[in-house]
Amino acid sequence: MYTVLDLDRDLAVLEKQGAKVFTVGYSELGRPIKGVFKGAPDGPQLLMQGAIHAREWVTAQLCVLLAENYTGECGLWCIPMVNPDGAMLAQYGLDSVGNKEKRDFLYRINGYSDDFSLWKANARAVDLNVNFNALWGTGKSNMTYPAPANYIGPYPLSESESRTLAEFTEKVRPRYTVSYHARGRVIYYGFDGLNPDPDVPYIASAETGYPAYTSEGSSGGYKDWFVLTTYRAGITVEVGSEGTPYQELQKELPSMLAQNKGLLGALSRAAKGET
């Protein structure tokens, strides 16, 4: 597993190597949402985020490794684990939740099961990646009540984690965003017919070897919101084999890193107009 404690340890190493480590905001249960910065603070910026879905905690470790290896000229901002409460819940179940009333709520929402390994949501049973104001609530799989996955929340950006990510994005104003998810080895780009920078998905596909597709039917996602509100390119990168259980995806980290290690550098060059 790759826990909040593992993340703190690895970010401390990055800080010793010269990166800037900081707290972006706090989760619903009060856990810090950590960020890291490398590169030039002036000029085009990139923003990478991972683990917005609880069961996809492996993407937090991948983000840290990619940040560690980043040598591009653009500033790189990274939020490796947007959903620390959910990640801990997927890894440790109800033992990760201190409040009894909250534990009882989550136990009920999870169908009275102690197995939270497939949980996607945060500690309020909101799926953060359908909680953004981009055709919010119009997705075919959206749910309008608390659930382990796909619950849109009571209103857009109702959750502290999604608000933190949105507000930080507005502050950084990145040229491109990269959102890491698992599984499928595929790239999604654009939103609702918008494709602000057609070169970006093809650059990403060439660097990773993953096919790139438009996000047909997507709604409420972070990438969707970024494209819609900024008219800049954001991509979702799904890593890991489709058939591998989420709890075993960590075994594929070497191949994930090998396939994605050139992506940020390529996007940095594109942002600087060097491609």
C-alpha atoms as a PDB file:
ATOM      1  CA  MET A   1       0.000   0.000   0.000  1.00  0.00           C
ATOM      2  CA  TYR A   2       0.935   3.637  -0.357  1.00  0.00           C
ATOM      3  CA  THR A   3      -0.421   5.505   2.639  1.00  0.00           C
ATOM      4  CA  VAL A   4      -0.541   9.103   3.831  1.00  0.00           C
ATOM      5  CA  LEU A   5       2.524   8.345   5.964  1.00  0.00           C
ATOM      6  CA  ASP A   6       4.398   7.014   2.936  1.00  0.00           C
ATOM      7  CA  LEU A   7       3.495  10.172   1.056  1.00  0.00           C
ATOM      8  CA  ASP A   8       4.777  12.387   3.870  1.00  0.00           C
ATOM      9  CA  ARG A   9       8.045  10.447   3.932  1.00  0.00           C
ATOM     10  CA  ASP A  10       8.578  10.760   0.187  1.00  0.00           C
ATOM     11  CA  LEU A  11       7.673  14.443   0.129  1.00  0.00           C
ATOM     12  CA  ALA A  12      10.221  15.052   2.896  1.00  0.00           C
ATOM     13  CA  VAL A  13      12.859  13.465   0.655  1.00  0.00           C
ATOM     14  CA  LEU A  14      11.805  15.675  -2.251  1.00  0.00           C
ATOM     15  CA  GLU A  15      12.024  18.719   0.002  1.00  0.00           C
ATOM     16  CA  LYS A  16      15.596  17.828   0.942  1.00  0.00           C
ATOM     17  CA  GLN A  17      16.351  17.652  -2.777  1.00  0.00           C
ATOM     18  CA  GLY A  18      15.172  21.231  -3.242  1.00  0.00           C
ATOM     19  CA  ALA A  19      11.467  20.907  -4.027  1.00  0.00           C
ATOM     20  CA  LYS A  20       8.918  23.064  -2.225  1.00  0.00           C
ATOM     21  CA  VAL A  21       6.448  21.056  -0.114  1.00  0.00           C
ATOM     22  CA  PHE A  22       3.339  22.688   1.311  1.00  0.00           C
ATOM     23  CA  THR A  23      -0.225  22.069   2.500  1.00  0.00           C
ATOM     24  CA  VAL A  24      -2.831  22.955  -0.111  1.00  0.00           C
ATOM     25  CA  GLY A  25      -5.875  22.439   2.110  1.00  0.00           C
ATOM     26  CA  TYR A  26      -7.574  19.888   4.324  1.00  0.00           C
ATOM     27  CA  SER A  27      -9.837  16.904   3.801  1.00  0.00           C
ATOM     28  CA  GLU A  28     -13.300  16.442   5.284  1.00  0.00           C
ATOM     29  CA  LEU A  29     -11.707  14.605   8.247  1.00  0.00           C
ATOM     30  CA  GLY A  30      -9.007  17.238   8.673  1.00  0.00           C
ATOM     31  CA  ARG A  31      -6.104  15.476   6.994  1.00  0.00           C
ATOM     32  CA  PRO A  32      -3.662  17.759   5.166  1.00  0.00           C
ATOM     33  CA  ILE A  33      -3.790  17.698   1.379  1.00  0.00           C
ATOM     34  CA  LYS A  34      -0.132  18.036   0.441  1.00  0.00           C
ATOM     35  CA  GLY A  35       1.422  19.664  -2.599  1.00  0.00           C
ATOM     36  CA  VAL A  36       4.898  19.860  -4.093  1.00  0.00           C
ATOM     37  CA  PHE A  37       6.471  22.326  -6.539  1.00  0.00           C
ATOM     38  CA  LYS A  38       9.497  22.032  -8.802  1.00  0.00           C
ATOM     39  CA  GLY A  39      10.854  24.189 -11.595  1.00  0.00           C
ATOM     40  CA  ALA A  40      10.453  27.827 -12.554  1.00  0.00           C
ATOM     41  CA  PRO A  41       7.753  29.903 -10.807  1.00  0.00           C
ATOM     42  CA  ASP A  42       7.520  32.252 -13.792  1.00  0.00           C
ATOM     43  CA  GLY A  43       6.193  31.395 -17.228  1.00  0.00           C
ATOM     44  CA  PRO A  44       3.942  28.454 -18.129  1.00  0.00           C
ATOM     45  CA  GLN A  45       2.949  26.130 -15.292  1.00  0.00           C
ATOM     46  CA  LEU A  46       1.805  22.494 -15.219  1.00  0.00           C
ATOM     47  CA  LEU A  47      -0.460  20.904 -12.618  1.00  0.00           C
ATOM     48  CA  MET A  48      -0.564  17.175 -11.937  1.00  0.00           C
ATOM     49  CA  GLN A  49      -2.910  15.472  -9.491  1.00  0.00           C
ATOM     50  CA  GLY A  50      -3.620  11.934  -8.394  1.00  0.00           C
ATOM     51  CA  ALA A  51      -5.685   9.771  -6.055  1.00  0.00           C
ATOM     52  CA  ILE A  52      -8.876  11.786  -6.367  1.00  0.00           C
ATOM     53  CA  HIS A  53     -10.528   8.363  -6.258  1.00  0.00           C
ATOM     54  CA  ALA A  54      -9.880   6.411  -3.073  1.00  0.00           C
ATOM     55  CA  ARG A  55      -9.187   2.990  -4.555  1.00  0.00           C
ATOM     56  CA  GLU A  56      -6.727   4.518  -7.040  1.00  0.00           C
ATOM     57  CA  TRP A  57      -4.215   5.427  -4.319  1.00  0.00           C
ATOM     58  CA  VAL A  58      -1.384   3.938  -6.414  1.00  0.00           C
ATOM     59  CA  THR A  59      -1.520   7.090  -8.565  1.00  0.00           C
ATOM     60  CA  ALA A  60      -0.284   9.140  -5.590  1.00  0.00           C
ATOM     61  CA  GLN A  61       2.937   7.152  -5.557  1.00  0.00           C
ATOM     62  CA  LEU A  62       3.242   7.477  -9.329  1.00  0.00           C
ATOM     63  CA  CYS A  63       2.801  11.262  -9.114  1.00  0.00           C
ATOM     64  CA  VAL A  64       5.568  11.511  -6.524  1.00  0.00           C
ATOM     65  CA  LEU A  65       7.924   9.454  -8.690  1.00  0.00           C
ATOM     66  CA  LEU A  66       7.122  11.568 -11.745  1.00  0.00           C
ATOM     67  CA  ALA A  67       7.687  14.763  -9.768  1.00  0.00           C
ATOM     68  CA  GLU A  68      10.992  13.412  -8.488  1.00  0.00           C
ATOM     69  CA  ASN A  69      12.159  12.739 -12.045  1.00  0.00           C
ATOM     70  CA  TYR A  70      10.832  15.975 -13.547  1.00  0.00           C
ATOM     71  CA  THR A  71      13.467  18.201 -15.184  1.00  0.00           C
ATOM     72  CA  GLY A  72      11.325  20.366 -17.462  1.00  0.00           C
ATOM     73  CA  GLU A  73      11.606  24.148 -17.699  1.00  0.00           C
ATOM     74  CA  CYS A  74       8.010  24.910 -16.723  1.00  0.00           C
ATOM     75  CA  GLY A  75       6.940  25.040 -13.117  1.00  0.00           C
ATOM     76  CA  LEU A  76       5.385  21.758 -11.984  1.00  0.00           C
ATOM     77  CA  TRP A  77       2.747  21.791  -9.251  1.00  0.00           C
ATOM     78  CA  CYS A  78       1.666  18.395  -7.974  1.00  0.00           C
ATOM     79  CA  ILE A  79      -1.072  17.279  -5.579  1.00  0.00           C
ATOM     80  CA  PRO A  80      -0.379  13.547  -5.323  1.00  0.00           C
ATOM     81  CA  MET A  81      -3.282  12.560  -3.048  1.00  0.00           C
ATOM     82  CA  VAL A  82      -6.354  14.755  -3.413  1.00  0.00           C
ATOM     83  CA  ASN A  83      -8.499  12.335  -1.398  1.00  0.00           C
ATOM     84  CA  PRO A  84      -6.480  11.216   1.661  1.00  0.00           C
ATOM     85  CA  ASP A  85      -9.556  10.203   3.705  1.00  0.00           C
ATOM     86  CA  GLY A  86     -10.808   7.984   0.911  1.00  0.00           C
ATOM     87  CA  ALA A  87      -7.407   6.454   0.287  1.00  0.00           C
ATOM     88  CA  MET A  88      -7.046   5.551   3.958  1.00  0.00           C
ATOM     89  CA  LEU A  89     -10.568   4.134   3.962  1.00  0.00           C
ATOM     90  CA  ALA A  90      -9.810   1.960   0.925  1.00  0.00           C
ATOM     91  CA  GLN A  91      -6.617   0.722   2.589  1.00  0.00           C
ATOM     92  CA  TYR A  92      -7.572   0.357   6.258  1.00  0.00           C
ATOM     93  CA  GLY A  93     -11.347   0.412   6.273  1.00  0.00           C
ATOM     94  CA  LEU A  94     -13.233   1.863   9.216  1.00  0.00           C
ATOM     95  CA  ASP A  95     -10.126   1.724  11.420  1.00  0.00           C
ATOM     96  CA  SER A  96      -9.027   4.887   9.598  1.00  0.00           C
ATOM     97  CA  VAL A  97     -12.088   6.831  10.836  1.00  0.00           C
ATOM     98  CA  GLY A  98     -12.086   8.042  14.435  1.00  0.00           C
ATOM     99  CA  ASN A  99     -15.649   9.286  14.765  1.00  0.00           C
ATOM    100  CA  LYS A 100     -18.218   6.572  15.576  1.00  0.00           C
ATOM    101  CA  GLU A 101     -21.107   8.379  13.911  1.00  0.00           C
ATOM    102  CA  LYS A 102     -19.036   8.743  10.730  1.00  0.00           C
ATOM    103  CA  ARG A 103     -18.008   5.073  10.909  1.00  0.00           C
ATOM    104  CA  ASP A 104     -21.634   3.996  11.228  1.00  0.00           C
ATOM    105  CA  PHE A 105     -22.591   6.182   8.266  1.00  0.00           C
ATOM    106  CA  LEU A 106     -19.828   4.797   6.043  1.00  0.00           C
ATOM    107  CA  TYR A 107     -20.554   1.212   7.107  1.00  0.00           C
ATOM    108  CA  ARG A 108     -24.198   1.645   6.085  1.00  0.00           C
ATOM    109  CA  ILE A 109     -23.325   3.312   2.771  1.00  0.00           C
ATOM    110  CA  ASN A 110     -20.899   0.460   2.025  1.00  0.00           C
ATOM    111  CA  GLY A 111     -23.709  -2.073   2.313  1.00  0.00           C
ATOM    112  CA  TYR A 112     -22.742  -3.069   5.876  1.00  0.00           C
ATOM    113  CA  SER A 113     -19.454  -4.445   4.584  1.00  0.00           C
ATOM    114  CA  ASP A 114     -16.042  -3.964   6.198  1.00  0.00           C
ATOM    115  CA  ASP A 115     -14.335  -4.237   2.793  1.00  0.00           C
ATOM    116  CA  PHE A 116     -13.726  -0.723   1.426  1.00  0.00           C
ATOM    117  CA  SER A 117     -11.102  -1.732  -1.151  1.00  0.00           C
ATOM    118  CA  LEU A 118     -13.354  -0.625  -4.051  1.00  0.00           C
ATOM    119  CA  TRP A 119     -14.430   2.657  -2.428  1.00  0.00           C
ATOM    120  CA  LYS A 120     -14.017   5.678  -4.748  1.00  0.00           C
ATOM    121  CA  ALA A 121     -15.554   8.491  -2.716  1.00  0.00           C
ATOM    122  CA  ASN A 122     -14.425  10.706   0.148  1.00  0.00           C
ATOM    123  CA  ALA A 123     -15.454  10.381   3.807  1.00  0.00           C
ATOM    124  CA  ARG A 124     -18.859  11.923   3.044  1.00  0.00           C
ATOM    125  CA  ALA A 125     -19.516   9.313   0.338  1.00  0.00           C
ATOM    126  CA  VAL A 126     -19.168  11.917  -2.430  1.00  0.00           C
ATOM    127  CA  ASP A 127     -17.293  10.972  -5.589  1.00  0.00           C
ATOM    128  CA  LEU A 128     -14.992  13.971  -5.931  1.00  0.00           C
ATOM    129  CA  ASN A 129     -14.536  13.527  -9.662  1.00  0.00           C
ATOM    130  CA  VAL A 130     -18.204  14.182 -10.372  1.00  0.00           C
ATOM    131  CA  ASN A 131     -18.421  17.118  -7.934  1.00  0.00           C
ATOM    132  CA  PHE A 132     -17.167  19.861 -10.272  1.00  0.00           C
ATOM    133  CA  ASN A 133     -19.318  22.409 -12.068  1.00  0.00           C
ATOM    134  CA  ALA A 134     -19.153  21.050 -15.598  1.00  0.00           C
ATOM    135  CA  LEU A 135     -22.552  19.712 -16.666  1.00  0.00           C
ATOM    136  CA  TRP A 136     -22.770  18.620 -13.042  1.00  0.00           C
ATOM    137  CA  GLY A 137     -25.259  15.827 -12.409  1.00  0.00           C
ATOM    138  CA  THR A 138     -25.918  14.959 -16.054  1.00  0.00           C
ATOM    139  CA  GLY A 139     -23.762  11.835 -16.344  1.00  0.00           C
ATOM    140  CA  LYS A 140     -25.421   8.499 -17.058  1.00  0.00           C
ATOM    141  CA  SER A 141     -23.825   6.821 -14.043  1.00  0.00           C
ATOM    142  CA  ASN A 142     -24.318   9.760 -11.657  1.00  0.00           C
ATOM    143  CA  MET A 143     -26.039   9.083  -8.359  1.00  0.00           C
ATOM    144  CA  THR A 144     -27.977  11.599  -6.281  1.00  0.00           C
ATOM    145  CA  TYR A 145     -27.494   9.994  -2.867  1.00  0.00           C
ATOM    146  CA  PRO A 146     -24.395   8.982  -0.851  1.00  0.00           C
ATOM    147  CA  ALA A 147     -22.674   5.937  -2.315  1.00  0.00           C
ATOM    148  CA  PRO A 148     -19.251   4.277  -2.576  1.00  0.00           C
ATOM    149  CA  ALA A 149     -18.981   5.731  -6.097  1.00  0.00           C
ATOM    150  CA  ASN A 150     -20.627   8.213  -8.465  1.00  0.00           C
ATOM    151  CA  TYR A 151     -22.513  10.366  -5.931  1.00  0.00           C
ATOM    152  CA  ILE A 152     -22.375  13.929  -7.270  1.00  0.00           C
ATOM    153  CA  GLY A 153     -22.791  15.622  -3.884  1.00  0.00           C
ATOM    154  CA  PRO A 154     -25.486  18.117  -2.872  1.00  0.00           C
ATOM    155  CA  TYR A 155     -24.065  20.826  -5.161  1.00  0.00           C
ATOM    156  CA  PRO A 156     -20.893  21.479  -7.209  1.00  0.00           C
ATOM    157  CA  LEU A 157     -17.731  21.819  -5.112  1.00  0.00           C
ATOM    158  CA  SER A 158     -19.625  20.844  -1.975  1.00  0.00           C
ATOM    159  CA  GLU A 159     -16.572  18.953  -0.666  1.00  0.00           C
ATOM    160  CA  SER A 160     -13.476  20.417   0.924  1.00  0.00           C
ATOM    161  CA  GLU A 161     -11.216  18.300  -1.306  1.00  0.00           C
ATOM    162  CA  SER A 162     -12.816  19.363  -4.602  1.00  0.00           C
ATOM    163  CA  ARG A 163     -12.909  23.002  -3.480  1.00  0.00           C
ATOM    164  CA  THR A 164      -9.252  22.800  -2.506  1.00  0.00           C
ATOM    165  CA  LEU A 165      -8.291  21.468  -5.936  1.00  0.00           C
ATOM    166  CA  ALA A 166     -10.428  23.993  -7.801  1.00  0.00           C
ATOM    167  CA  GLU A 167      -9.213  26.987  -5.796  1.00  0.00           C
ATOM    168  CA  PHE A 168      -5.595  25.912  -6.102  1.00  0.00           C
ATOM    169  CA  THR A 169      -5.979  25.485  -9.860  1.00  0.00           C
ATOM    170  CA  GLU A 170      -7.420  28.984 -10.139  1.00  0.00           C
ATOM    171  CA  LYS A 171      -4.466  30.303  -8.145  1.00  0.00           C
ATOM    172  CA  VAL A 172      -1.784  28.514 -10.197  1.00  0.00           C
ATOM    173  CA  ARG A 173      -3.520  29.041 -13.573  1.00  0.00           C
ATOM    174  CA  PRO A 174      -1.682  26.134 -15.231  1.00  0.00           C
ATOM    175  CA  ARG A 175      -1.239  25.877 -18.978  1.00  0.00           C
ATOM    176  CA  TYR A 176      -2.028  22.144 -18.852  1.00  0.00           C
ATOM    177  CA  THR A 177      -3.349  19.734 -16.234  1.00  0.00           C
ATOM    178  CA  VAL A 178      -2.660  16.006 -15.966  1.00  0.00           C
ATOM    179  CA  SER A 179      -5.006  13.910 -13.829  1.00  0.00           C
ATOM    180  CA  TYR A 180      -3.838  10.400 -12.997  1.00  0.00           C
ATOM    181  CA  HIS A 181      -6.420   7.655 -12.568  1.00  0.00           C
ATOM    182  CA  ALA A 182      -6.403   3.867 -12.716  1.00  0.00           C
ATOM    183  CA  ARG A 183      -7.094   1.628 -14.762  1.00  0.00           C
ATOM    184  CA  GLY A 184      -7.078   1.090 -18.534  1.00  0.00           C
ATOM    185  CA  ARG A 185      -3.886   2.545 -20.078  1.00  0.00           C
ATOM    186  CA  VAL A 186      -5.804   5.202 -21.988  1.00  0.00           C
ATOM    187  CA  ILE A 187      -5.917   9.009 -22.225  1.00  0.00           C
ATOM    188  CA  TYR A 188      -9.072  11.114 -22.246  1.00  0.00           C
ATOM    189  CA  TYR A 189      -9.118  14.706 -23.430  1.00  0.00           C
ATOM    190  CA  GLY A 190     -11.507  17.539 -24.174  1.00  0.00           C
ATOM    191  CA  PHE A 191     -14.999  18.115 -22.822  1.00  0.00           C
ATOM    192  CA  ASP A 192     -18.437  18.550 -24.373  1.00  0.00           C
ATOM    193  CA  GLY A 193     -16.999  19.106 -27.833  1.00  0.00           C
ATOM    194  CA  LEU A 194     -14.211  21.405 -26.623  1.00  0.00           C
ATOM    195  CA  ASN A 195     -10.616  20.536 -27.478  1.00  0.00           C
ATOM    196  CA  PRO A 196      -8.596  23.689 -26.738  1.00  0.00           C
ATOM    197  CA  ASP A 197      -5.155  22.411 -27.768  1.00  0.00           C
ATOM    198  CA  PRO A 198      -5.440  19.503 -30.230  1.00  0.00           C
ATOM    199  CA  ASP A 199      -1.711  18.784 -30.071  1.00  0.00           C
ATOM    200  CA  VAL A 200      -1.721  17.892 -26.374  1.00  0.00           C
ATOM    201  CA  PRO A 201      -3.540  14.529 -26.514  1.00  0.00           C
ATOM    202  CA  TYR A 202      -1.362  13.421 -29.402  1.00  0.00           C
ATOM    203  CA  ILE A 203       1.811  14.462 -27.594  1.00  0.00           C
ATOM    204  CA  ALA A 204       0.602  12.544 -24.541  1.00  0.00           C
ATOM    205  CA  SER A 205      -0.285   9.478 -26.584  1.00  0.00           C
ATOM    206  CA  ALA A 206       3.084   9.499 -28.350  1.00  0.00           C
ATOM    207  CA  GLU A 207       4.962   9.732 -25.044  1.00  0.00           C
ATOM    208  CA  THR A 208       2.993   7.076 -23.148  1.00  0.00           C
ATOM    209  CA  GLY A 209       1.907   4.711 -25.889  1.00  0.00           C
ATOM    210  CA  TYR A 210      -1.678   4.982 -24.609  1.00  0.00           C
ATOM    211  CA  PRO A 211      -4.467   5.687 -27.119  1.00  0.00           C
ATOM    212  CA  ALA A 212      -6.234   9.049 -26.712  1.00  0.00           C
ATOM    213  CA  TYR A 213     -10.000   9.472 -26.858  1.00  0.00           C
ATOM    214  CA  THR A 214     -12.427  12.318 -26.352  1.00  0.00           C
ATOM    215  CA  SER A 215     -14.435  12.222 -23.120  1.00  0.00           C
ATOM    216  CA  GLU A 216     -17.844  11.414 -24.564  1.00  0.00           C
ATOM    217  CA  GLY A 217     -20.556  11.537 -21.919  1.00  0.00           C
ATOM    218  CA  SER A 218     -18.251  12.836 -19.192  1.00  0.00           C
ATOM    219  CA  SER A 219     -19.623  15.305 -16.662  1.00  0.00           C
ATOM    220  CA  GLY A 220     -18.624  16.849 -13.356  1.00  0.00           C
ATOM    221  CA  GLY A 221     -14.976  15.812 -13.522  1.00  0.00           C
ATOM    222  CA  TYR A 222     -11.967  17.923 -12.630  1.00  0.00           C
ATOM    223  CA  LYS A 223     -10.576  17.733 -16.157  1.00  0.00           C
ATOM    224  CA  ASP A 224     -14.015  18.631 -17.541  1.00  0.00           C
ATOM    225  CA  TRP A 225     -14.230  21.677 -15.290  1.00  0.00           C
ATOM    226  CA  PHE A 226     -10.702  22.799 -16.156  1.00  0.00           C
ATOM    227  CA  VAL A 227     -11.301  22.605 -19.913  1.00  0.00           C
ATOM    228  CA  LEU A 228     -14.687  24.311 -19.654  1.00  0.00           C
ATOM    229  CA  THR A 229     -13.647  27.183 -17.381  1.00  0.00           C
ATOM    230  CA  THR A 230     -10.177  27.939 -18.761  1.00  0.00           C
ATOM    231  CA  TYR A 231     -10.372  26.710 -22.361  1.00  0.00           C
ATOM    232  CA  ARG A 232      -6.981  25.133 -21.832  1.00  0.00           C
ATOM    233  CA  ALA A 233      -5.968  21.526 -22.308  1.00  0.00           C
ATOM    234  CA  GLY A 234      -6.450  19.033 -19.509  1.00  0.00           C
ATOM    235  CA  ILE A 235      -5.991  15.296 -19.862  1.00  0.00           C
ATOM    236  CA  THR A 236      -6.943  12.285 -17.781  1.00  0.00           C
ATOM    237  CA  VAL A 237      -4.389   9.481 -17.888  1.00  0.00           C
ATOM    238  CA  GLU A 238      -5.581   6.036 -16.831  1.00  0.00           C
ATOM    239  CA  VAL A 239      -2.649   3.841 -15.808  1.00  0.00           C
ATOM    240  CA  GLY A 240      -2.444   0.152 -15.015  1.00  0.00           C
ATOM    241  CA  SER A 241      -3.896  -2.946 -16.640  1.00  0.00           C
ATOM    242  CA  GLU A 242      -7.664  -3.132 -16.866  1.00  0.00           C
ATOM    243  CA  GLY A 243      -7.787  -6.615 -15.348  1.00  0.00           C
ATOM    244  CA  THR A 244      -5.490  -5.977 -12.373  1.00  0.00           C
ATOM    245  CA  PRO A 245      -7.285  -5.533  -9.019  1.00  0.00           C
ATOM    246  CA  TYR A 246      -6.827  -2.038  -7.600  1.00  0.00           C
ATOM    247  CA  GLN A 247      -5.063  -3.387  -4.526  1.00  0.00           C
ATOM    248  CA  GLU A 248      -2.450  -5.071  -6.768  1.00  0.00           C
ATOM    249  CA  LEU A 249      -1.726  -2.185  -9.136  1.00  0.00           C
ATOM    250  CA  GLN A 250       1.345  -1.219  -7.129  1.00  0.00           C
ATOM    251  CA  LYS A 251       3.086  -4.201  -8.741  1.00  0.00           C
ATOM    252  CA  GLU A 252       2.801  -2.368 -12.060  1.00  0.00           C
ATOM    253  CA  LEU A 253       4.502   0.822 -10.869  1.00  0.00           C
ATOM    254  CA  PRO A 254       7.728   0.149 -12.805  1.00  0.00           C
ATOM    255  CA  SER A 255       5.826  -0.101 -16.103  1.00  0.00           C
ATOM    256  CA  MET A 256       3.614   2.893 -15.190  1.00  0.00           C
ATOM    257  CA  LEU A 257       6.709   4.976 -14.537  1.00  0.00           C
ATOM    258  CA  ALA A 258       8.439   3.797 -17.708  1.00  0.00           C
ATOM    259  CA  GLN A 259       5.406   4.655 -19.833  1.00  0.00           C
ATOM    260  CA  ASN A 260       4.788   8.058 -18.249  1.00  0.00           C
ATOM    261  CA  LYS A 261       8.266   9.378 -17.392  1.00  0.00           C
ATOM    262  CA  GLY A 262       8.542  11.468 -20.559  1.00  0.00           C
ATOM    263  CA  LEU A 263       5.060  12.994 -20.474  1.00  0.00           C
ATOM    264  CA  LEU A 264       5.654  16.008 -18.227  1.00  0.00           C
ATOM    265  CA  GLY A 265       8.829  16.959 -20.044  1.00  0.00           C
ATOM    266  CA  ALA A 266       7.028  16.791 -23.369  1.00  0.00           C
ATOM    267  CA  LEU A 267       4.192  18.951 -22.053  1.00  0.00           C
ATOM    268  CA  SER A 268       6.726  21.405 -20.647  1.00  0.00           C
ATOM    269  CA  ARG A 269       8.331  21.745 -24.074  1.00  0.00           C
ATOM    270  CA  ALA A 270       4.911  22.201 -25.686  1.00  0.00           C
ATOM    271  CA  ALA A 271       3.966  24.877 -23.162  1.00  0.00           C
ATOM    272  CA  LYS A 272       7.216  26.693 -23.917  1.00  0.00           C
ATOM    273  CA  GLY A 273       6.535  26.446 -27.641  1.00  0.00           C
ATOM    274  CA  GLU A 274       9.482  24.159 -28.280  1.00  0.00           C
ATOM    275  CA  THR A 275       7.639  21.378 -30.137  1.00  0.00           C
END
